[in-house]
Amino acid sequence: MSHDWLPSKRVEQLAMAKTWKTVLDKSGLSWDVTEEETLQLGVLVAEADEMLTKAMSVNRNAVTTARCNEASARR
């Protein structure tokens, strides 16, 4: 499967995920996306956002970066 549509930078990927979360909050049920699935996406987006913020901070370390990578991989 091609990932050409996916932005290459994490910040851009997170922005895309936030946009999709907003769209699904409004239209998900009409597209047969369950409320539970939308809630799960929200949890993943929040976790990825938190980890990316920590990974970009001056206080980051190898563990923080690894957790960010892990959170990003769950997308």
N, C-alpha and C. Protein backbone atom coordinates (compact mmCIF):
# COMPACT_ATOMS: atom_id res chain seq x y z
N MET A 1 0.84 -1.18 0.00
CA MET A 1 0.00 0.00 0.00
C MET A 1 0.88 1.24 0.00
N SER A 2 0.56 2.15 -0.84
CA SER A 2 1.33 3.39 -0.95
C SER A 2 0.99 4.34 0.19
N HIS A 3 2.01 5.04 0.68
CA HIS A 3 1.81 6.05 1.72
C HIS A 3 2.13 7.44 1.18
N ASP A 4 2.01 7.62 -0.14
CA ASP A 4 2.33 8.90 -0.77
C ASP A 4 1.45 10.03 -0.25
N TRP A 5 0.26 9.70 0.20
CA TRP A 5 -0.68 10.70 0.68
C TRP A 5 -0.34 11.17 2.10
N LEU A 6 0.49 10.42 2.78
CA LEU A 6 0.82 10.74 4.17
C LEU A 6 1.98 11.73 4.22
N PRO A 7 1.81 12.84 4.94
CA PRO A 7 2.92 13.79 5.07
C PRO A 7 4.15 13.10 5.66
N SER A 8 5.32 13.56 5.29
CA SER A 8 6.54 12.91 5.75
C SER A 8 6.98 13.36 7.15
N LYS A 9 6.62 14.54 7.56
CA LYS A 9 7.05 15.06 8.86
C LYS A 9 6.00 14.76 9.93
N ARG A 10 6.46 14.42 11.12
CA ARG A 10 5.56 14.08 12.21
C ARG A 10 4.60 15.19 12.58
N VAL A 11 5.09 16.42 12.57
CA VAL A 11 4.23 17.55 12.90
C VAL A 11 3.07 17.62 11.91
N GLU A 12 3.35 17.39 10.64
CA GLU A 12 2.32 17.42 9.62
C GLU A 12 1.38 16.22 9.74
N GLN A 13 1.93 15.06 10.09
CA GLN A 13 1.10 13.87 10.29
C GLN A 13 0.13 14.10 11.46
N LEU A 14 0.62 14.70 12.52
CA LEU A 14 -0.21 14.98 13.68
C LEU A 14 -1.30 15.98 13.31
N ALA A 15 -0.96 16.99 12.55
CA ALA A 15 -1.96 17.97 12.11
C ALA A 15 -3.05 17.29 11.28
N MET A 16 -2.65 16.36 10.42
CA MET A 16 -3.61 15.62 9.61
C MET A 16 -4.51 14.77 10.50
N ALA A 17 -3.94 14.12 11.49
CA ALA A 17 -4.73 13.29 12.41
C ALA A 17 -5.73 14.15 13.19
N LYS A 18 -5.30 15.33 13.62
CA LYS A 18 -6.21 16.23 14.34
C LYS A 18 -7.35 16.67 13.43
N THR A 19 -7.04 16.94 12.17
CA THR A 19 -8.08 17.33 11.22
C THR A 19 -9.08 16.20 11.04
N TRP A 20 -8.59 14.97 10.87
CA TRP A 20 -9.48 13.83 10.70
C TRP A 20 -10.32 13.60 11.95
N LYS A 21 -9.75 13.81 13.11
CA LYS A 21 -10.52 13.67 14.36
C LYS A 21 -11.67 14.67 14.37
N THR A 22 -11.41 15.90 13.97
CA THR A 22 -12.45 16.92 13.92
C THR A 22 -13.54 16.53 12.91
N VAL A 23 -13.13 16.05 11.76
CA VAL A 23 -14.08 15.63 10.72
C VAL A 23 -14.93 14.47 11.22
N LEU A 24 -14.29 13.49 11.86
CA LEU A 24 -15.03 12.33 12.33
C LEU A 24 -15.96 12.67 13.49
N ASP A 25 -15.58 13.65 14.30
CA ASP A 25 -16.48 14.10 15.37
C ASP A 25 -17.80 14.60 14.77
N LYS A 26 -17.72 15.23 13.61
CA LYS A 26 -18.90 15.80 12.96
C LYS A 26 -19.63 14.81 12.06
N SER A 27 -18.88 13.99 11.33
CA SER A 27 -19.48 13.17 10.27
C SER A 27 -19.29 11.67 10.43
N GLY A 28 -18.57 11.26 11.43
CA GLY A 28 -18.20 9.85 11.56
C GLY A 28 -19.37 8.89 11.55
N LEU A 29 -20.41 9.20 12.32
CA LEU A 29 -21.55 8.29 12.40
C LEU A 29 -22.23 8.12 11.05
N SER A 30 -22.32 9.18 10.27
CA SER A 30 -22.94 9.06 8.95
C SER A 30 -22.07 8.28 7.97
N TRP A 31 -20.79 8.12 8.30
CA TRP A 31 -19.87 7.33 7.48
C TRP A 31 -19.66 5.94 8.06
N ASP A 32 -20.49 5.56 9.01
CA ASP A 32 -20.41 4.26 9.69
C ASP A 32 -19.13 4.09 10.50
N VAL A 33 -18.59 5.18 11.00
CA VAL A 33 -17.48 5.14 11.94
C VAL A 33 -18.11 5.26 13.32
N THR A 34 -17.87 4.27 14.16
CA THR A 34 -18.53 4.27 15.46
C THR A 34 -17.97 5.35 16.37
N GLU A 35 -18.76 5.68 17.36
CA GLU A 35 -18.31 6.66 18.35
C GLU A 35 -17.07 6.14 19.09
N GLU A 36 -17.04 4.84 19.35
CA GLU A 36 -15.89 4.23 20.02
C GLU A 36 -14.62 4.37 19.18
N GLU A 37 -14.73 4.16 17.88
CA GLU A 37 -13.57 4.32 17.00
C GLU A 37 -13.08 5.77 16.98
N THR A 38 -14.01 6.69 16.97
CA THR A 38 -13.64 8.11 17.00
C THR A 38 -12.97 8.45 18.33
N LEU A 39 -13.49 7.91 19.42
CA LEU A 39 -12.87 8.14 20.74
C LEU A 39 -11.47 7.55 20.79
N GLN A 40 -11.29 6.36 20.23
CA GLN A 40 -9.96 5.74 20.20
C GLN A 40 -8.98 6.58 19.39
N LEU A 41 -9.44 7.13 18.28
CA LEU A 41 -8.58 8.02 17.49
C LEU A 41 -8.19 9.22 18.33
N GLY A 42 -9.13 9.77 19.08
CA GLY A 42 -8.83 10.91 19.94
C GLY A 42 -7.76 10.60 20.96
N VAL A 43 -7.82 9.41 21.54
CA VAL A 43 -6.81 8.99 22.51
C VAL A 43 -5.44 8.90 21.84
N LEU A 44 -5.39 8.29 20.67
CA LEU A 44 -4.13 8.15 19.94
C LEU A 44 -3.56 9.51 19.55
N VAL A 45 -4.42 10.41 19.10
CA VAL A 45 -3.96 11.74 18.71
C VAL A 45 -3.42 12.50 19.92
N ALA A 46 -4.14 12.43 21.04
CA ALA A 46 -3.69 13.12 22.25
C ALA A 46 -2.35 12.56 22.73
N GLU A 47 -2.20 11.25 22.69
CA GLU A 47 -0.95 10.61 23.12
C GLU A 47 0.20 11.01 22.20
N ALA A 48 -0.04 10.97 20.91
CA ALA A 48 1.00 11.35 19.95
C ALA A 48 1.38 12.82 20.11
N ASP A 49 0.38 13.67 20.35
CA ASP A 49 0.63 15.11 20.54
C ASP A 49 1.50 15.33 21.78
N GLU A 50 1.16 14.66 22.86
CA GLU A 50 1.94 14.79 24.10
C GLU A 50 3.38 14.31 23.91
N MET A 51 3.52 13.16 23.27
CA MET A 51 4.86 12.60 23.08
C MET A 51 5.70 13.46 22.13
N LEU A 52 5.08 14.00 21.08
CA LEU A 52 5.82 14.85 20.16
C LEU A 52 6.27 16.13 20.85
N THR A 53 5.41 16.69 21.67
CA THR A 53 5.78 17.89 22.44
C THR A 53 6.98 17.60 23.33
N LYS A 54 6.95 16.47 24.01
CA LYS A 54 8.08 16.08 24.88
C LYS A 54 9.34 15.81 24.06
N ALA A 55 9.18 15.15 22.92
CA ALA A 55 10.35 14.81 22.09
C ALA A 55 10.99 16.05 21.47
N MET A 56 10.22 17.12 21.33
CA MET A 56 10.76 18.34 20.75
C MET A 56 11.27 19.32 21.82
N SER A 57 11.10 18.98 23.08
CA SER A 57 11.53 19.88 24.15
C SER A 57 13.04 19.79 24.37
N VAL A 58 13.57 20.78 25.05
CA VAL A 58 15.01 20.78 25.35
C VAL A 58 15.35 19.72 26.39
N ASN A 59 14.35 19.19 27.09
CA ASN A 59 14.57 18.19 28.12
C ASN A 59 14.42 16.75 27.61
N ARG A 60 14.34 16.59 26.29
CA ARG A 60 14.14 15.25 25.74
C ARG A 60 15.35 14.36 26.01
N ASN A 61 15.09 13.06 25.96
CA ASN A 61 16.17 12.08 26.09
C ASN A 61 15.82 10.88 25.21
N ALA A 62 16.64 9.86 25.25
CA ALA A 62 16.43 8.70 24.38
C ALA A 62 15.10 8.00 24.67
N VAL A 63 14.71 7.94 25.93
CA VAL A 63 13.44 7.29 26.29
C VAL A 63 12.27 8.09 25.74
N THR A 64 12.32 9.41 25.88
CA THR A 64 11.26 10.26 25.36
C THR A 64 11.14 10.10 23.85
N THR A 65 12.25 10.09 23.16
CA THR A 65 12.24 9.92 21.71
C THR A 65 11.68 8.56 21.33
N ALA A 66 12.04 7.52 22.05
CA ALA A 66 11.53 6.18 21.77
C ALA A 66 10.02 6.12 21.98
N ARG A 67 9.53 6.77 23.04
CA ARG A 67 8.08 6.78 23.29
C ARG A 67 7.35 7.56 22.21
N CYS A 68 7.95 8.62 21.74
CA CYS A 68 7.37 9.39 20.63
C CYS A 68 7.30 8.52 19.38
N ASN A 69 8.36 7.81 19.10
CA ASN A 69 8.37 6.91 17.93
C ASN A 69 7.28 5.85 18.05
N GLU A 70 7.13 5.31 19.24
CA GLU A 70 6.11 4.28 19.49
C GLU A 70 4.70 4.86 19.30
N ALA A 71 4.46 6.04 19.87
CA ALA A 71 3.14 6.68 19.74
C ALA A 71 2.85 6.99 18.29
N SER A 72 3.83 7.41 17.56
CA SER A 72 3.66 7.75 16.15
C SER A 72 3.38 6.49 15.33
N ALA A 73 4.00 5.39 15.69
CA ALA A 73 3.84 4.14 14.95
C ALA A 73 2.43 3.56 15.09
N ARG A 74 1.71 3.95 16.14
CA ARG A 74 0.36 3.43 16.35
C ARG A 74 -0.67 4.12 15.47
N ARG A 75 -0.27 5.07 14.71
CA ARG A 75 -1.23 5.77 13.85
C ARG A 75 -1.81 4.85 12.88
